[in-house]
Every structure is written in structure tokens, then in C-alpha cells.
Amino acid sequence: MTPRAPEIAVEYKTTPEFKETYANHLGVKFTGYDFAIELGMFEVPTPGKLVVTNYQRVFMSPATARSLLEVLANMVNTFEQNHGPIKKTEVGKISFDAARNIPEGSRQ
């Protein structure tokens, strides 16, 4: 039998600057050292035009990015088991495709 790892007490804290926001746009990029996730909002002011306003960039190690991927996959699977399949909207696909095609130098 494999010995159990000792339990670790985890305490979660937030800083005074902590805030909750909503994002309907997400961009991801990486270097050889880290991943960056950009969160923002997009709007379609006129047909054929997409305006993205990024308001947060979070950097993380590749190991943390892998953990995030696994946690999100688990949570999405659980959500779909409880609520049915998540349908990707066309606007969400446009936002994702636009983020992938932004030249590196044009991001702020």
C-alpha cells in the first residue's frame, strides 16, 4: 500500500486590490519561460468590425499553465455533465480567431 501524503492546510487570502470582473475575450501567448493570458471584453460596433479592450494580463510558469488546463478541462466536463454541452457562439469564435491573428508587436 502506498503511504499517504500528509494533509496540508490551505488558507486563501485576497489583497485589498482584488476585484471580480467578467471577460468575454481571452488571448494566450507564451515564451520559452512563461505563459501570458490576456483577459478583456470585445464588442462588435458595426458589422465586420471587432473591438477588443484588454484589461488584465496574467503571467504564469508552464507548470502552472498545465495545471490551469487540467483544472479548466475538469470544470468544463463537470459543467457539461450538469447542464449539457456548451455551444461555442460565432461571436466568441470570431474573438478567438482575431486574438490568434494579432501580430506580436501590436499587443500592448
N, C-alpha and C. Protein backbone atom coordinates (compact mmCIF):
# COMPACT_ATOMS: atom_id res chain seq x y z
N MET A 1 0.84 -1.18 0.00
CA MET A 1 0.00 0.00 0.00
C MET A 1 0.88 1.24 0.00
N THR A 2 0.51 2.22 -0.81
CA THR A 2 1.28 3.45 -0.91
C THR A 2 0.98 4.36 0.28
N PRO A 3 2.04 4.87 0.92
CA PRO A 3 1.78 5.77 2.06
C PRO A 3 1.11 7.06 1.59
N ARG A 4 0.23 7.57 2.42
CA ARG A 4 -0.48 8.80 2.09
C ARG A 4 0.40 10.01 2.39
N ALA A 5 0.29 11.00 1.53
CA ALA A 5 0.98 12.27 1.78
C ALA A 5 0.26 12.98 2.92
N PRO A 6 1.01 13.67 3.75
CA PRO A 6 0.34 14.40 4.84
C PRO A 6 -0.58 15.48 4.28
N GLU A 7 -1.70 15.70 4.97
CA GLU A 7 -2.63 16.74 4.54
C GLU A 7 -2.02 18.10 4.84
N ILE A 8 -2.28 19.03 3.95
CA ILE A 8 -1.77 20.39 4.10
C ILE A 8 -2.95 21.32 4.25
N ALA A 9 -2.93 22.15 5.28
CA ALA A 9 -3.98 23.15 5.47
C ALA A 9 -3.71 24.30 4.51
N VAL A 10 -4.71 24.67 3.73
CA VAL A 10 -4.58 25.76 2.77
C VAL A 10 -5.43 26.93 3.25
N GLU A 11 -4.82 28.09 3.29
CA GLU A 11 -5.54 29.31 3.66
C GLU A 11 -5.53 30.24 2.45
N TYR A 12 -6.70 30.68 2.01
CA TYR A 12 -6.82 31.58 0.87
C TYR A 12 -7.03 33.00 1.37
N LYS A 13 -6.28 33.93 0.81
CA LYS A 13 -6.40 35.34 1.17
C LYS A 13 -6.57 36.15 -0.11
N THR A 14 -7.11 37.33 0.01
CA THR A 14 -7.18 38.26 -1.11
C THR A 14 -6.57 39.58 -0.67
N THR A 15 -6.02 40.28 -1.63
CA THR A 15 -5.44 41.59 -1.35
C THR A 15 -6.54 42.65 -1.41
N PRO A 16 -6.28 43.83 -0.87
CA PRO A 16 -7.28 44.90 -0.98
C PRO A 16 -7.59 45.27 -2.44
N GLU A 17 -6.64 44.99 -3.35
CA GLU A 17 -6.83 45.32 -4.76
C GLU A 17 -7.64 44.26 -5.51
N PHE A 18 -7.95 43.16 -4.86
CA PHE A 18 -8.67 42.07 -5.51
C PHE A 18 -9.99 42.57 -6.06
N LYS A 19 -10.32 42.15 -7.29
CA LYS A 19 -11.60 42.52 -7.88
C LYS A 19 -12.10 41.39 -8.76
N GLU A 20 -13.39 41.34 -8.93
CA GLU A 20 -14.01 40.38 -9.83
C GLU A 20 -14.45 41.12 -11.08
N THR A 21 -14.17 40.53 -12.23
CA THR A 21 -14.58 41.12 -13.49
C THR A 21 -15.05 40.02 -14.43
N TYR A 22 -15.70 40.41 -15.48
CA TYR A 22 -16.18 39.47 -16.49
C TYR A 22 -15.36 39.66 -17.75
N ALA A 23 -15.01 38.57 -18.39
CA ALA A 23 -14.27 38.63 -19.65
C ALA A 23 -15.02 37.81 -20.70
N ASN A 24 -15.15 38.37 -21.89
CA ASN A 24 -15.69 37.58 -23.00
C ASN A 24 -14.65 37.43 -24.10
N HIS A 25 -13.42 37.86 -23.79
CA HIS A 25 -12.31 37.69 -24.73
C HIS A 25 -11.09 37.20 -23.96
N LEU A 26 -10.34 36.32 -24.58
CA LEU A 26 -9.15 35.78 -23.95
C LEU A 26 -8.09 35.56 -25.00
N GLY A 27 -6.91 36.01 -24.71
CA GLY A 27 -5.76 35.78 -25.59
C GLY A 27 -4.68 35.08 -24.81
N VAL A 28 -3.95 34.20 -25.47
CA VAL A 28 -2.87 33.46 -24.80
C VAL A 28 -1.63 33.53 -25.67
N LYS A 29 -0.50 33.80 -25.03
CA LYS A 29 0.78 33.74 -25.73
C LYS A 29 1.81 33.16 -24.78
N PHE A 30 2.96 32.77 -25.31
CA PHE A 30 3.97 32.16 -24.46
C PHE A 30 5.36 32.46 -24.99
N THR A 31 6.32 32.33 -24.09
CA THR A 31 7.74 32.40 -24.44
C THR A 31 8.35 31.08 -23.99
N GLY A 32 9.65 30.97 -24.04
CA GLY A 32 10.31 29.78 -23.54
C GLY A 32 10.28 29.67 -22.03
N TYR A 33 9.81 30.72 -21.36
CA TYR A 33 9.85 30.76 -19.90
C TYR A 33 8.49 30.83 -19.22
N ASP A 34 7.49 31.41 -19.91
CA ASP A 34 6.20 31.59 -19.26
C ASP A 34 5.06 31.69 -20.26
N PHE A 35 3.85 31.65 -19.73
CA PHE A 35 2.62 31.85 -20.50
C PHE A 35 2.01 33.16 -20.03
N ALA A 36 1.31 33.83 -20.93
CA ALA A 36 0.58 35.04 -20.57
C ALA A 36 -0.86 34.88 -21.06
N ILE A 37 -1.80 35.16 -20.18
CA ILE A 37 -3.21 35.13 -20.54
C ILE A 37 -3.72 36.56 -20.44
N GLU A 38 -4.30 37.04 -21.54
CA GLU A 38 -4.89 38.38 -21.56
C GLU A 38 -6.40 38.25 -21.50
N LEU A 39 -7.02 38.99 -20.60
CA LEU A 39 -8.46 38.98 -20.45
C LEU A 39 -9.01 40.34 -20.85
N GLY A 40 -10.16 40.33 -21.48
CA GLY A 40 -10.75 41.59 -21.90
C GLY A 40 -12.18 41.41 -22.35
N MET A 41 -12.68 42.47 -22.93
CA MET A 41 -14.04 42.50 -23.45
C MET A 41 -13.97 42.84 -24.94
N PHE A 42 -14.85 42.22 -25.69
CA PHE A 42 -14.94 42.60 -27.09
C PHE A 42 -16.35 43.06 -27.39
N GLU A 43 -16.44 43.89 -28.39
CA GLU A 43 -17.73 44.34 -28.88
C GLU A 43 -17.66 44.40 -30.39
N VAL A 44 -18.82 44.33 -31.02
CA VAL A 44 -18.93 44.42 -32.46
C VAL A 44 -19.75 45.68 -32.74
N PRO A 45 -19.07 46.85 -32.87
CA PRO A 45 -19.81 48.11 -33.02
C PRO A 45 -20.53 48.22 -34.36
N THR A 46 -19.94 47.65 -35.39
CA THR A 46 -20.56 47.63 -36.71
C THR A 46 -20.23 46.29 -37.35
N PRO A 47 -21.05 45.83 -38.27
CA PRO A 47 -20.73 44.55 -38.93
C PRO A 47 -19.33 44.59 -39.55
N GLY A 48 -18.59 43.53 -39.32
CA GLY A 48 -17.25 43.44 -39.88
C GLY A 48 -16.16 44.09 -39.04
N LYS A 49 -16.52 44.65 -37.88
CA LYS A 49 -15.52 45.27 -37.02
C LYS A 49 -15.62 44.70 -35.61
N LEU A 50 -14.49 44.28 -35.09
CA LEU A 50 -14.41 43.74 -33.74
C LEU A 50 -13.45 44.61 -32.94
N VAL A 51 -13.90 45.14 -31.81
CA VAL A 51 -13.06 45.96 -30.95
C VAL A 51 -12.81 45.18 -29.66
N VAL A 52 -11.53 44.95 -29.35
CA VAL A 52 -11.15 44.22 -28.15
C VAL A 52 -10.45 45.18 -27.19
N THR A 53 -10.92 45.22 -25.96
CA THR A 53 -10.28 46.03 -24.92
C THR A 53 -9.77 45.07 -23.84
N ASN A 54 -8.45 44.88 -23.80
CA ASN A 54 -7.85 44.02 -22.79
C ASN A 54 -7.65 44.82 -21.51
N TYR A 55 -7.94 44.20 -20.36
CA TYR A 55 -7.78 44.91 -19.10
C TYR A 55 -6.91 44.17 -18.10
N GLN A 56 -6.49 42.95 -18.41
CA GLN A 56 -5.65 42.21 -17.46
C GLN A 56 -4.76 41.23 -18.21
N ARG A 57 -3.50 41.15 -17.81
CA ARG A 57 -2.58 40.14 -18.34
C ARG A 57 -1.99 39.40 -17.15
N VAL A 58 -2.09 38.08 -17.17
CA VAL A 58 -1.59 37.26 -16.07
C VAL A 58 -0.47 36.37 -16.63
N PHE A 59 0.69 36.43 -15.99
CA PHE A 59 1.82 35.59 -16.38
C PHE A 59 1.90 34.39 -15.45
N MET A 60 2.28 33.24 -15.99
CA MET A 60 2.43 32.04 -15.17
C MET A 60 3.48 31.12 -15.78
N SER A 61 4.01 30.24 -14.94
CA SER A 61 5.00 29.27 -15.40
C SER A 61 4.32 28.23 -16.28
N PRO A 62 5.08 27.52 -17.12
CA PRO A 62 4.48 26.44 -17.90
C PRO A 62 3.80 25.38 -17.03
N ALA A 63 4.37 25.08 -15.86
CA ALA A 63 3.75 24.09 -14.97
C ALA A 63 2.40 24.59 -14.47
N THR A 64 2.31 25.87 -14.13
CA THR A 64 1.04 26.43 -13.69
C THR A 64 0.04 26.46 -14.84
N ALA A 65 0.50 26.76 -16.05
CA ALA A 65 -0.39 26.75 -17.22
C ALA A 65 -0.94 25.34 -17.45
N ARG A 66 -0.12 24.33 -17.29
CA ARG A 66 -0.58 22.94 -17.43
C ARG A 66 -1.64 22.62 -16.36
N SER A 67 -1.40 23.06 -15.14
CA SER A 67 -2.38 22.84 -14.08
C SER A 67 -3.69 23.56 -14.39
N LEU A 68 -3.60 24.78 -14.89
CA LEU A 68 -4.81 25.53 -15.26
C LEU A 68 -5.58 24.79 -16.34
N LEU A 69 -4.88 24.27 -17.34
CA LEU A 69 -5.52 23.50 -18.41
C LEU A 69 -6.28 22.31 -17.83
N GLU A 70 -5.66 21.58 -16.93
CA GLU A 70 -6.29 20.40 -16.34
C GLU A 70 -7.50 20.77 -15.48
N VAL A 71 -7.36 21.84 -14.69
CA VAL A 71 -8.48 22.27 -13.84
C VAL A 71 -9.65 22.75 -14.71
N LEU A 72 -9.36 23.56 -15.74
CA LEU A 72 -10.44 24.04 -16.61
C LEU A 72 -11.12 22.89 -17.35
N ALA A 73 -10.35 21.93 -17.85
CA ALA A 73 -10.94 20.79 -18.54
C ALA A 73 -11.86 20.02 -17.60
N ASN A 74 -11.44 19.81 -16.37
CA ASN A 74 -12.25 19.11 -15.38
C ASN A 74 -13.53 19.89 -15.09
N MET A 75 -13.41 21.20 -14.90
CA MET A 75 -14.57 22.03 -14.58
C MET A 75 -15.55 22.10 -15.76
N VAL A 76 -15.04 22.20 -16.99
CA VAL A 76 -15.92 22.23 -18.16
C VAL A 76 -16.65 20.89 -18.29
N ASN A 77 -15.95 19.80 -18.10
CA ASN A 77 -16.60 18.48 -18.16
C ASN A 77 -17.70 18.36 -17.11
N THR A 78 -17.42 18.80 -15.90
CA THR A 78 -18.42 18.76 -14.83
C THR A 78 -19.61 19.65 -15.18
N PHE A 79 -19.35 20.85 -15.68
CA PHE A 79 -20.43 21.76 -16.08
C PHE A 79 -21.31 21.10 -17.13
N GLU A 80 -20.68 20.50 -18.15
CA GLU A 80 -21.46 19.88 -19.23
C GLU A 80 -22.24 18.66 -18.75
N GLN A 81 -21.72 17.94 -17.80
CA GLN A 81 -22.47 16.82 -17.24
C GLN A 81 -23.72 17.32 -16.52
N ASN A 82 -23.62 18.46 -15.87
CA ASN A 82 -24.74 19.02 -15.12
C ASN A 82 -25.71 19.83 -15.97
N HIS A 83 -25.21 20.49 -17.03
CA HIS A 83 -26.02 21.44 -17.77
C HIS A 83 -26.11 21.18 -19.27
N GLY A 84 -25.44 20.16 -19.77
CA GLY A 84 -25.45 19.88 -21.20
C GLY A 84 -24.27 20.54 -21.90
N PRO A 85 -24.09 20.20 -23.17
CA PRO A 85 -22.93 20.71 -23.92
C PRO A 85 -22.91 22.23 -24.02
N ILE A 86 -21.73 22.78 -23.96
CA ILE A 86 -21.53 24.21 -24.16
C ILE A 86 -21.40 24.44 -25.66
N LYS A 87 -22.21 25.33 -26.17
CA LYS A 87 -22.15 25.66 -27.60
C LYS A 87 -21.28 26.89 -27.78
N LYS A 88 -20.34 26.81 -28.71
CA LYS A 88 -19.49 27.95 -28.99
C LYS A 88 -20.26 28.90 -29.90
N THR A 89 -20.34 30.16 -29.50
CA THR A 89 -21.05 31.14 -30.31
C THR A 89 -20.16 31.62 -31.44
N GLU A 90 -20.76 32.07 -32.50
CA GLU A 90 -19.99 32.58 -33.64
C GLU A 90 -19.18 33.80 -33.23
N VAL A 91 -19.75 34.67 -32.41
CA VAL A 91 -19.03 35.87 -31.97
C VAL A 91 -17.82 35.46 -31.13
N GLY A 92 -17.97 34.48 -30.26
CA GLY A 92 -16.84 34.00 -29.47
C GLY A 92 -15.75 33.43 -30.35
N LYS A 93 -16.13 32.71 -31.41
CA LYS A 93 -15.15 32.15 -32.35
C LYS A 93 -14.42 33.28 -33.07
N ILE A 94 -15.15 34.33 -33.46
CA ILE A 94 -14.51 35.46 -34.14
C ILE A 94 -13.50 36.11 -33.20
N SER A 95 -13.87 36.31 -31.94
CA SER A 95 -12.96 36.92 -30.98
C SER A 95 -11.71 36.08 -30.81
N PHE A 96 -11.88 34.76 -30.68
CA PHE A 96 -10.74 33.86 -30.52
C PHE A 96 -9.84 33.90 -31.75
N ASP A 97 -10.45 33.82 -32.94
CA ASP A 97 -9.66 33.85 -34.17
C ASP A 97 -8.93 35.17 -34.33
N ALA A 98 -9.58 36.27 -33.94
CA ALA A 98 -8.93 37.57 -34.04
C ALA A 98 -7.73 37.64 -33.12
N ALA A 99 -7.85 37.09 -31.92
CA ALA A 99 -6.73 37.11 -30.96
C ALA A 99 -5.55 36.32 -31.48
N ARG A 100 -5.80 35.22 -32.17
CA ARG A 100 -4.71 34.39 -32.69
C ARG A 100 -3.96 35.10 -33.81
N ASN A 101 -4.62 36.01 -34.50
CA ASN A 101 -4.03 36.62 -35.68
C ASN A 101 -3.46 38.02 -35.44
N ILE A 102 -3.41 38.46 -34.19
CA ILE A 102 -2.85 39.77 -33.89
C ILE A 102 -1.32 39.65 -33.91
N PRO A 103 -0.65 40.48 -34.72
CA PRO A 103 0.82 40.42 -34.74
C PRO A 103 1.39 40.75 -33.36
N GLU A 104 2.45 40.06 -33.01
CA GLU A 104 3.04 40.18 -31.67
C GLU A 104 3.32 41.63 -31.28
N GLY A 105 3.89 42.44 -32.16
CA GLY A 105 4.25 43.80 -31.84
C GLY A 105 3.07 44.73 -31.62
N SER A 106 1.87 44.33 -32.02
CA SER A 106 0.74 45.24 -31.89
C SER A 106 0.01 45.11 -30.57
N ARG A 107 0.36 44.13 -29.75
CA ARG A 107 -0.28 43.99 -28.43
C ARG A 107 0.34 44.96 -27.46
N GLN A 108 -0.49 45.48 -26.59
CA GLN A 108 0.01 46.46 -25.61
C GLN A 108 0.38 45.76 -24.33
